[in-house]
C-alpha atoms as a PDB file:
ATOM      1  CA  UNK A   1    -140.187  73.788 128.738  1.00  0.00           C
ATOM      2  CA  UNK A   2    -142.113  71.089 127.151  1.00  0.00           C
ATOM      3  CA  UNK A   3    -139.647  68.549 125.514  1.00  0.00           C
ATOM      4  CA  UNK A   4    -139.191  67.027 122.366  1.00  0.00           C
ATOM      5  CA  UNK A   5    -139.580  63.548 121.379  1.00  0.00           C
ATOM      6  CA  UNK A   6    -136.295  61.695 122.121  1.00  0.00           C
ATOM      7  CA  UNK A   7    -135.326  60.517 118.276  1.00  0.00           C
ATOM      8  CA  UNK A   8    -134.887  56.484 117.009  1.00  0.00           C
ATOM      9  CA  UNK A   9    -131.832  57.781 115.756  1.00  0.00           C
ATOM     10  CA  UNK A  10    -129.501  60.257 115.319  1.00  0.00           C
ATOM     11  CA  UNK A  11    -129.046  61.588 111.636  1.00  0.00           C
ATOM     12  CA  UNK A  12    -125.836  62.624 110.468  1.00  0.00           C
ATOM     13  CA  UNK A  13    -125.525  66.063 110.549  1.00  0.00           C
ATOM     14  CA  UNK A  14    -124.653  67.770 107.039  1.00  0.00           C
ATOM     15  CA  UNK A  15    -121.453  69.747 107.979  1.00  0.00           C
ATOM     16  CA  UNK A  16    -120.004  65.815 109.426  1.00  0.00           C
ATOM     17  CA  UNK A  17    -119.880  64.727 105.926  1.00  0.00           C
ATOM     18  CA  UNK A  18    -116.361  64.490 105.032  1.00  0.00           C
ATOM     19  CA  UNK A  19    -117.528  65.009 101.259  1.00  0.00           C
ATOM     20  CA  UNK A  20    -119.384  68.459 102.141  1.00  0.00           C
ATOM     21  CA  UNK A  21    -117.600  71.427 100.014  1.00  0.00           C
ATOM     22  CA  UNK A  22    -115.166  73.130 101.240  1.00  0.00           C
ATOM     23  CA  UNK A  23    -117.027  76.646 100.928  1.00  0.00           C
ATOM     24  CA  UNK A  24    -120.116  75.042 102.462  1.00  0.00           C
ATOM     25  CA  UNK A  25    -118.106  73.575 105.457  1.00  0.00           C
ATOM     26  CA  UNK A  26    -116.158  77.045 105.852  1.00  0.00           C
ATOM     27  CA  UNK A  27    -119.754  79.094 105.917  1.00  0.00           C
ATOM     28  CA  UNK A  28    -120.802  76.371 108.906  1.00  0.00           C
ATOM     29  CA  UNK A  29    -118.167  77.196 111.088  1.00  0.00           C
ATOM     30  CA  UNK A  30    -118.217  80.822 110.969  1.00  0.00           C
ATOM     31  CA  UNK A  31    -122.263  80.518 111.659  1.00  0.00           C
ATOM     32  CA  UNK A  32    -121.077  78.016 114.309  1.00  0.00           C
ATOM     33  CA  UNK A  33    -118.976  80.803 115.982  1.00  0.00           C
ATOM     34  CA  UNK A  34    -121.398  83.358 115.632  1.00  0.00           C
ATOM     35  CA  UNK A  35    -123.514  80.905 117.420  1.00  0.00           C
ATOM     36  CA  UNK A  36    -121.149  80.447 120.679  1.00  0.00           C
ATOM     37  CA  UNK A  37    -120.755  84.569 120.704  1.00  0.00           C
ATOM     38  CA  UNK A  38    -124.319  85.008 121.120  1.00  0.00           C
ATOM     39  CA  UNK A  39    -124.367  81.828 123.339  1.00  0.00           C
ATOM     40  CA  UNK A  40    -122.175  83.129 125.229  1.00  0.00           C
ATOM     41  CA  UNK A  41    -120.751  79.537 125.660  1.00  0.00           C
ATOM     42  CA  UNK A  42    -116.938  80.817 125.849  1.00  0.00           C
ATOM     43  CA  UNK A  43    -117.894  82.241 129.095  1.00  0.00           C
ATOM     44  CA  UNK A  44    -120.087  79.959 130.837  1.00  0.00           C
ATOM     45  CA  UNK A  45    -117.614  77.052 129.908  1.00  0.00           C
ATOM     46  CA  UNK A  46    -114.364  78.718 131.084  1.00  0.00           C
ATOM     47  CA  UNK A  47    -115.850  80.247 134.176  1.00  0.00           C
ATOM     48  CA  UNK A  48    -117.130  76.295 135.711  1.00  0.00           C
ATOM     49  CA  UNK A  49    -113.725  75.345 134.715  1.00  0.00           C
ATOM     50  CA  UNK A  50    -112.231  78.459 136.768  1.00  0.00           C
ATOM     51  CA  UNK A  51    -114.223  77.257 139.099  1.00  0.00           C
ATOM     52  CA  UNK A  52    -112.996  73.619 138.995  1.00  0.00           C
ATOM     53  CA  UNK A  53    -109.268  74.937 138.992  1.00  0.00           C
ATOM     54  CA  UNK A  54    -109.994  77.245 142.391  1.00  0.00           C
ATOM     55  CA  UNK A  55    -111.783  74.385 144.088  1.00  0.00           C
ATOM     56  CA  UNK A  56    -108.675  72.292 143.595  1.00  0.00           C
ATOM     57  CA  UNK A  57    -105.264  71.888 145.427  1.00  0.00           C
ATOM     58  CA  UNK A  58    -103.618  73.397 142.380  1.00  0.00           C
ATOM     59  CA  UNK A  59    -100.933  75.745 143.006  1.00  0.00           C
ATOM     60  CA  UNK A  60    -100.875  78.714 141.248  1.00  0.00           C
ATOM     61  CA  UNK A  61     -97.618  77.999 139.468  1.00  0.00           C
ATOM     62  CA  UNK A  62     -98.445  74.419 138.530  1.00  0.00           C
ATOM     63  CA  UNK A  63     -99.383  74.976 134.696  1.00  0.00           C
ATOM     64  CA  UNK A  64    -102.742  73.828 133.089  1.00  0.00           C
ATOM     65  CA  UNK A  65    -103.521  71.763 130.044  1.00  0.00           C
ATOM     66  CA  UNK A  66    -106.989  72.088 129.141  1.00  0.00           C
ATOM     67  CA  UNK A  67    -108.589  69.712 126.192  1.00  0.00           C
ATOM     68  CA  UNK A  68    -111.415  71.033 124.056  1.00  0.00           C
ATOM     69  CA  UNK A  69    -113.224  67.813 122.319  1.00  0.00           C
ATOM     70  CA  UNK A  70    -114.436  67.595 118.831  1.00  0.00           C
ATOM     71  CA  UNK A  71    -113.177  71.114 118.561  1.00  0.00           C
ATOM     72  CA  UNK A  72    -114.372  72.118 115.362  1.00  0.00           C
ATOM     73  CA  UNK A  73    -113.133  75.229 113.929  1.00  0.00           C
ATOM     74  CA  UNK A  74    -111.482  76.113 117.364  1.00  0.00           C
ATOM     75  CA  UNK A  75    -113.060  79.533 117.786  1.00  0.00           C
ATOM     76  CA  UNK A  76    -114.231  78.491 121.382  1.00  0.00           C
ATOM     77  CA  UNK A  77    -110.775  76.906 122.371  1.00  0.00           C
ATOM     78  CA  UNK A  78    -109.223  80.202 121.234  1.00  0.00           C
ATOM     79  CA  UNK A  79    -111.673  82.090 123.130  1.00  0.00           C
ATOM     80  CA  UNK A  80    -111.920  79.922 126.384  1.00  0.00           C
ATOM     81  CA  UNK A  81    -108.242  79.968 126.256  1.00  0.00           C
ATOM     82  CA  UNK A  82    -107.625  83.520 126.666  1.00  0.00           C
ATOM     83  CA  UNK A  83    -110.445  83.854 129.620  1.00  0.00           C
ATOM     84  CA  UNK A  84    -108.909  81.520 131.187  1.00  0.00           C
ATOM     85  CA  UNK A  85    -105.223  83.120 130.832  1.00  0.00           C
ATOM     86  CA  UNK A  86    -107.247  86.791 132.288  1.00  0.00           C
ATOM     87  CA  UNK A  87    -108.860  84.750 134.802  1.00  0.00           C
ATOM     88  CA  UNK A  88    -106.320  82.293 136.341  1.00  0.00           C
ATOM     89  CA  UNK A  89    -102.745  83.124 137.414  1.00  0.00           C
ATOM     90  CA  UNK A  90    -101.271  79.553 135.755  1.00  0.00           C
ATOM     91  CA  UNK A  91     -99.941  79.392 132.487  1.00  0.00           C
ATOM     92  CA  UNK A  92    -103.004  77.758 130.289  1.00  0.00           C
ATOM     93  CA  UNK A  93    -102.295  75.427 127.060  1.00  0.00           C
ATOM     94  CA  UNK A  94    -104.868  74.512 125.474  1.00  0.00           C
ATOM     95  CA  UNK A  95    -105.033  71.921 123.122  1.00  0.00           C
ATOM     96  CA  UNK A  96    -107.992  71.990 120.205  1.00  0.00           C
ATOM     97  CA  UNK A  97    -108.557  67.854 119.121  1.00  0.00           C
ATOM     98  CA  UNK A  98    -110.852  66.574 116.439  1.00  0.00           C
ATOM     99  CA  UNK A  99    -111.406  63.911 113.729  1.00  0.00           C
ATOM    100  CA  UNK A 100    -111.551  66.374 110.892  1.00  0.00           C
ATOM    101  CA  UNK A 101    -108.311  67.517 109.293  1.00  0.00           C
ATOM    102  CA  UNK A 102    -110.089  69.927 107.173  1.00  0.00           C
ATOM    103  CA  UNK A 103    -111.428  71.490 110.710  1.00  0.00           C
ATOM    104  CA  UNK A 104    -107.832  71.282 112.528  1.00  0.00           C
ATOM    105  CA  UNK A 105    -106.346  73.140 109.105  1.00  0.00           C
ATOM    106  CA  UNK A 106    -108.702  75.936 109.317  1.00  0.00           C
ATOM    107  CA  UNK A 107    -108.681  76.198 113.410  1.00  0.00           C
ATOM    108  CA  UNK A 108    -104.555  76.046 112.890  1.00  0.00           C
ATOM    109  CA  UNK A 109    -104.932  78.618 110.139  1.00  0.00           C
ATOM    110  CA  UNK A 110    -107.621  81.299 112.269  1.00  0.00           C
ATOM    111  CA  UNK A 111    -107.287  80.820 116.369  1.00  0.00           C
ATOM    112  CA  UNK A 112    -103.213  79.389 116.792  1.00  0.00           C
ATOM    113  CA  UNK A 113    -102.130  81.956 119.108  1.00  0.00           C
ATOM    114  CA  UNK A 114     -99.735  82.401 122.330  1.00  0.00           C
ATOM    115  CA  UNK A 115    -100.332  85.784 124.064  1.00  0.00           C
ATOM    116  CA  UNK A 116    -100.569  86.474 128.150  1.00  0.00           C
ATOM    117  CA  UNK A 117    -100.675  83.224 129.746  1.00  0.00           C
ATOM    118  CA  UNK A 118    -102.774  81.515 127.138  1.00  0.00           C
ATOM    119  CA  UNK A 119    -101.666  79.407 124.455  1.00  0.00           C
ATOM    120  CA  UNK A 120    -103.492  77.674 121.619  1.00  0.00           C
ATOM    121  CA  UNK A 121    -102.512  74.986 119.235  1.00  0.00           C
ATOM    122  CA  UNK A 122    -104.533  71.935 117.579  1.00  0.00           C
ATOM    123  CA  UNK A 123    -104.160  68.257 117.226  1.00  0.00           C
ATOM    124  CA  UNK A 124    -105.912  65.629 114.700  1.00  0.00           C
ATOM    125  CA  UNK A 125    -107.710  62.997 116.989  1.00  0.00           C
ATOM    126  CA  UNK A 126    -110.427  60.515 116.952  1.00  0.00           C
ATOM    127  CA  UNK A 127    -111.704  60.739 120.254  1.00  0.00           C
ATOM    128  CA  UNK A 128    -113.899  58.304 119.669  1.00  0.00           C
ATOM    129  CA  UNK A 129    -111.725  55.820 119.433  1.00  0.00           C
ATOM    130  CA  UNK A 130    -108.374  57.449 120.774  1.00  0.00           C
ATOM    131  CA  UNK A 131    -107.149  57.195 124.011  1.00  0.00           C
ATOM    132  CA  UNK A 132    -107.498  60.872 125.218  1.00  0.00           C
ATOM    133  CA  UNK A 133    -104.128  63.201 126.083  1.00  0.00           C
ATOM    134  CA  UNK A 134    -103.656  63.644 129.800  1.00  0.00           C
ATOM    135  CA  UNK A 135    -104.877  67.087 130.963  1.00  0.00           C
ATOM    136  CA  UNK A 136    -105.897  68.839 133.824  1.00  0.00           C
ATOM    137  CA  UNK A 137    -109.424  69.599 132.168  1.00  0.00           C
ATOM    138  CA  UNK A 138    -111.396  69.007 129.658  1.00  0.00           C
ATOM    139  CA  UNK A 139    -114.290  70.496 127.676  1.00  0.00           C
ATOM    140  CA  UNK A 140    -116.276  70.530 124.709  1.00  0.00           C
ATOM    141  CA  UNK A 141    -119.664  72.129 123.543  1.00  0.00           C
ATOM    142  CA  UNK A 142    -122.120  71.084 121.263  1.00  0.00           C
ATOM    143  CA  UNK A 143    -120.454  67.501 120.743  1.00  0.00           C
ATOM    144  CA  UNK A 144    -122.329  64.551 122.971  1.00  0.00           C
ATOM    145  CA  UNK A 145    -125.828  65.469 120.863  1.00  0.00           C
ATOM    146  CA  UNK A 146    -123.619  63.665 117.772  1.00  0.00           C
ATOM    147  CA  UNK A 147    -123.185  60.691 119.995  1.00  0.00           C
ATOM    148  CA  UNK A 148    -125.899  57.520 120.760  1.00  0.00           C
ATOM    149  CA  UNK A 149    -126.092  56.621 124.278  1.00  0.00           C
ATOM    150  CA  UNK A 150    -123.564  53.844 124.332  1.00  0.00           C
ATOM    151  CA  UNK A 151    -120.975  56.654 122.627  1.00  0.00           C
ATOM    152  CA  UNK A 152    -121.709  59.112 125.331  1.00  0.00           C
ATOM    153  CA  UNK A 153    -121.320  57.209 128.449  1.00  0.00           C
ATOM    154  CA  UNK A 154    -117.851  56.038 127.051  1.00  0.00           C
ATOM    155  CA  UNK A 155    -116.986  59.575 125.839  1.00  0.00           C
ATOM    156  CA  UNK A 156    -117.824  60.743 129.652  1.00  0.00           C
ATOM    157  CA  UNK A 157    -115.474  57.912 130.935  1.00  0.00           C
ATOM    158  CA  UNK A 158    -112.907  58.771 128.558  1.00  0.00           C
ATOM    159  CA  UNK A 159    -113.056  62.642 129.862  1.00  0.00           C
ATOM    160  CA  UNK A 160    -113.026  61.403 133.445  1.00  0.00           C
ATOM    161  CA  UNK A 161    -109.801  58.996 133.023  1.00  0.00           C
ATOM    162  CA  UNK A 162    -108.111  61.985 130.953  1.00  0.00           C
ATOM    163  CA  UNK A 163    -108.610  64.690 133.013  1.00  0.00           C
ATOM    164  CA  UNK A 164    -106.907  65.256 136.603  1.00  0.00           C
ATOM    165  CA  UNK A 165    -109.260  67.699 138.146  1.00  0.00           C
ATOM    166  CA  UNK A 166    -112.454  67.121 136.156  1.00  0.00           C
ATOM    167  CA  UNK A 167    -113.893  68.280 132.854  1.00  0.00           C
ATOM    168  CA  UNK A 168    -116.908  70.529 131.715  1.00  0.00           C
ATOM    169  CA  UNK A 169    -119.578  70.627 128.871  1.00  0.00           C
ATOM    170  CA  UNK A 170    -121.976  72.568 127.346  1.00  0.00           C
ATOM    171  CA  UNK A 171    -124.586  70.927 125.064  1.00  0.00           C
ATOM    172  CA  UNK A 172    -128.402  71.696 123.869  1.00  0.00           C
ATOM    173  CA  UNK A 173    -131.927  70.927 125.861  1.00  0.00           C
ATOM    174  CA  UNK A 174    -134.020  68.959 123.615  1.00  0.00           C
ATOM    175  CA  UNK A 175    -136.663  71.253 123.934  1.00  0.00           C
ATOM    176  CA  UNK A 176    -139.601  73.142 121.725  1.00  0.00           C
ATOM    177  CA  UNK A 177    -138.421  76.683 123.079  1.00  0.00           C
ATOM    178  CA  UNK A 178    -134.414  75.034 121.743  1.00  0.00           C
ATOM    179  CA  UNK A 179    -136.215  74.073 118.576  1.00  0.00           C
ATOM    180  CA  UNK A 180    -137.203  77.357 118.253  1.00  0.00           C
ATOM    181  CA  UNK A 181    -133.876  79.235 118.953  1.00  0.00           C
ATOM    182  CA  UNK A 182    -132.149  77.337 116.255  1.00  0.00           C
ATOM    183  CA  UNK A 183    -134.685  77.899 113.604  1.00  0.00           C
ATOM    184  CA  UNK A 184    -134.892  81.919 114.464  1.00  0.00           C
ATOM    185  CA  UNK A 185    -131.164  81.564 115.439  1.00  0.00           C
ATOM    186  CA  UNK A 186    -130.103  79.704 112.062  1.00  0.00           C
ATOM    187  CA  UNK A 187    -132.305  82.166 110.143  1.00  0.00           C
ATOM    188  CA  UNK A 188    -131.157  85.490 111.758  1.00  0.00           C
ATOM    189  CA  UNK A 189    -127.265  84.745 112.741  1.00  0.00           C
ATOM    190  CA  UNK A 190    -126.156  83.227 109.194  1.00  0.00           C
ATOM    191  CA  UNK A 191    -126.532  82.157 105.270  1.00  0.00           C
ATOM    192  CA  UNK A 192    -125.614  78.883 105.654  1.00  0.00           C
ATOM    193  CA  UNK A 193    -127.318  76.328 104.627  1.00  0.00           C
ATOM    194  CA  UNK A 194    -125.801  73.576 106.120  1.00  0.00           C
ATOM    195  CA  UNK A 195    -126.050  75.548 109.849  1.00  0.00           C
ATOM    196  CA  UNK A 196    -129.765  75.997 108.845  1.00  0.00           C
ATOM    197  CA  UNK A 197    -130.206  72.592 108.550  1.00  0.00           C
ATOM    198  CA  UNK A 198    -128.154  71.222 111.230  1.00  0.00           C
ATOM    199  CA  UNK A 199    -129.136  73.576 113.677  1.00  0.00           C
ATOM    200  CA  UNK A 200    -132.905  72.451 114.368  1.00  0.00           C
ATOM    201  CA  UNK A 201    -131.368  68.549 113.814  1.00  0.00           C
ATOM    202  CA  UNK A 202    -128.910  69.205 116.477  1.00  0.00           C
ATOM    203  CA  UNK A 203    -131.901  69.688 118.811  1.00  0.00           C
ATOM    204  CA  UNK A 204    -133.907  66.941 117.545  1.00  0.00           C
ATOM    205  CA  UNK A 205    -131.233  65.059 118.712  1.00  0.00           C
ATOM    206  CA  UNK A 206    -130.263  66.414 122.011  1.00  0.00           C
ATOM    207  CA  UNK A 207    -131.229  65.200 125.635  1.00  0.00           C
ATOM    208  CA  UNK A 208    -133.153  66.768 128.697  1.00  0.00           C
ATOM    209  CA  UNK A 209    -131.629  66.876 131.991  1.00  0.00           C
ATOM    210  CA  UNK A 210    -132.971  64.112 133.589  1.00  0.00           C
ATOM    211  CA  UNK A 211    -130.980  61.931 130.230  1.00  0.00           C
ATOM    212  CA  UNK A 212    -127.764  63.854 130.715  1.00  0.00           C
ATOM    213  CA  UNK A 213    -128.036  62.821 134.491  1.00  0.00           C
ATOM    214  CA  UNK A 214    -128.793  59.283 133.547  1.00  0.00           C
ATOM    215  CA  UNK A 215    -125.668  59.340 131.388  1.00  0.00           C
ATOM    216  CA  UNK A 216    -123.394  59.819 134.005  1.00  0.00           C
ATOM    217  CA  UNK A 217    -125.392  57.298 136.306  1.00  0.00           C
ATOM    218  CA  UNK A 218    -124.592  54.624 133.476  1.00  0.00           C
ATOM    219  CA  UNK A 219    -121.014  55.984 133.667  1.00  0.00           C
ATOM    220  CA  UNK A 220    -120.508  55.665 137.361  1.00  0.00           C
ATOM    221  CA  UNK A 221    -119.967  59.071 137.524  1.00  0.00           C
ATOM    222  CA  UNK A 222    -120.955  60.456 140.807  1.00  0.00           C
ATOM    223  CA  UNK A 223    -122.123  64.333 141.771  1.00  0.00           C
ATOM    224  CA  UNK A 224    -122.297  66.031 138.216  1.00  0.00           C
ATOM    225  CA  UNK A 225    -123.479  69.521 138.513  1.00  0.00           C
ATOM    226  CA  UNK A 226    -126.006  69.735 135.982  1.00  0.00           C
ATOM    227  CA  UNK A 227    -127.897  73.089 135.043  1.00  0.00           C
ATOM    228  CA  UNK A 228    -130.036  74.941 132.831  1.00  0.00           C
ATOM    229  CA  UNK A 229    -127.989  77.762 130.889  1.00  0.00           C
ATOM    230  CA  UNK A 230    -128.660  80.282 128.350  1.00  0.00           C
ATOM    231  CA  UNK A 231    -129.783  79.329 125.515  1.00  0.00           C
ATOM    232  CA  UNK A 232    -131.491  76.227 126.525  1.00  0.00           C
ATOM    233  CA  UNK A 233    -128.353  74.869 127.428  1.00  0.00           C
ATOM    234  CA  UNK A 234    -126.898  71.909 129.749  1.00  0.00           C
ATOM    235  CA  UNK A 235    -123.914  73.077 131.645  1.00  0.00           C
ATOM    236  CA  UNK A 236    -122.325  69.977 133.244  1.00  0.00           C
ATOM    237  CA  UNK A 237    -119.389  70.234 135.648  1.00  0.00           C
ATOM    238  CA  UNK A 238    -117.859  66.904 137.298  1.00  0.00           C
ATOM    239  CA  UNK A 239    -115.093  66.673 139.454  1.00  0.00           C
ATOM    240  CA  UNK A 240    -112.954  63.883 140.815  1.00  0.00           C
ATOM    241  CA  UNK A 241    -113.612  65.598 144.879  1.00  0.00           C
END
């Protein structure tokens, strides 16, 4: 599918504006949660994390600490933790990190859980400036397209440094089909005006598979597994092996 031309600058999305009305912010978080469900993001990310864990030398009784970087409303944090708790024998502690206190408050009220093998919690953290907590594996979704190339490279290096085994992320592809999906998806799945504006902007700010590979080259992180995934996403795994 043909790529859209790259943006010279990445515009600030409405949802990232701290002055955004709380009700509109909550509607946008609901919209993102629906998009995650339709996109099967949780199952894709969790399967990739499980593969990294199983291919490592980690013992079955070693607890896992998983970070969700820029977790937003926390729905994906909880969903990934639940799937991992069912797939893996280890105890799973999943921690969602986000710079927005408002998003963290929402996540804590909706998605703080402790069931079976999985425990979920949330912490405020400026993931671009603060040192990330040490973890077994880290992941993020729909985050890297918010960052310019310099910030994105630094973020990948930070995740590699914090993660004992490796990291996973899912993000948009800057294609015409992706833009079509964004327009249709936000129209059909939500009434959130914020999501309907930010969705297409996100696609235009995203990268191609080649551009994601270039980020890893610049970050000096060798042999990333970068694949096309439904719906017009890049699904990326990297490990220290």
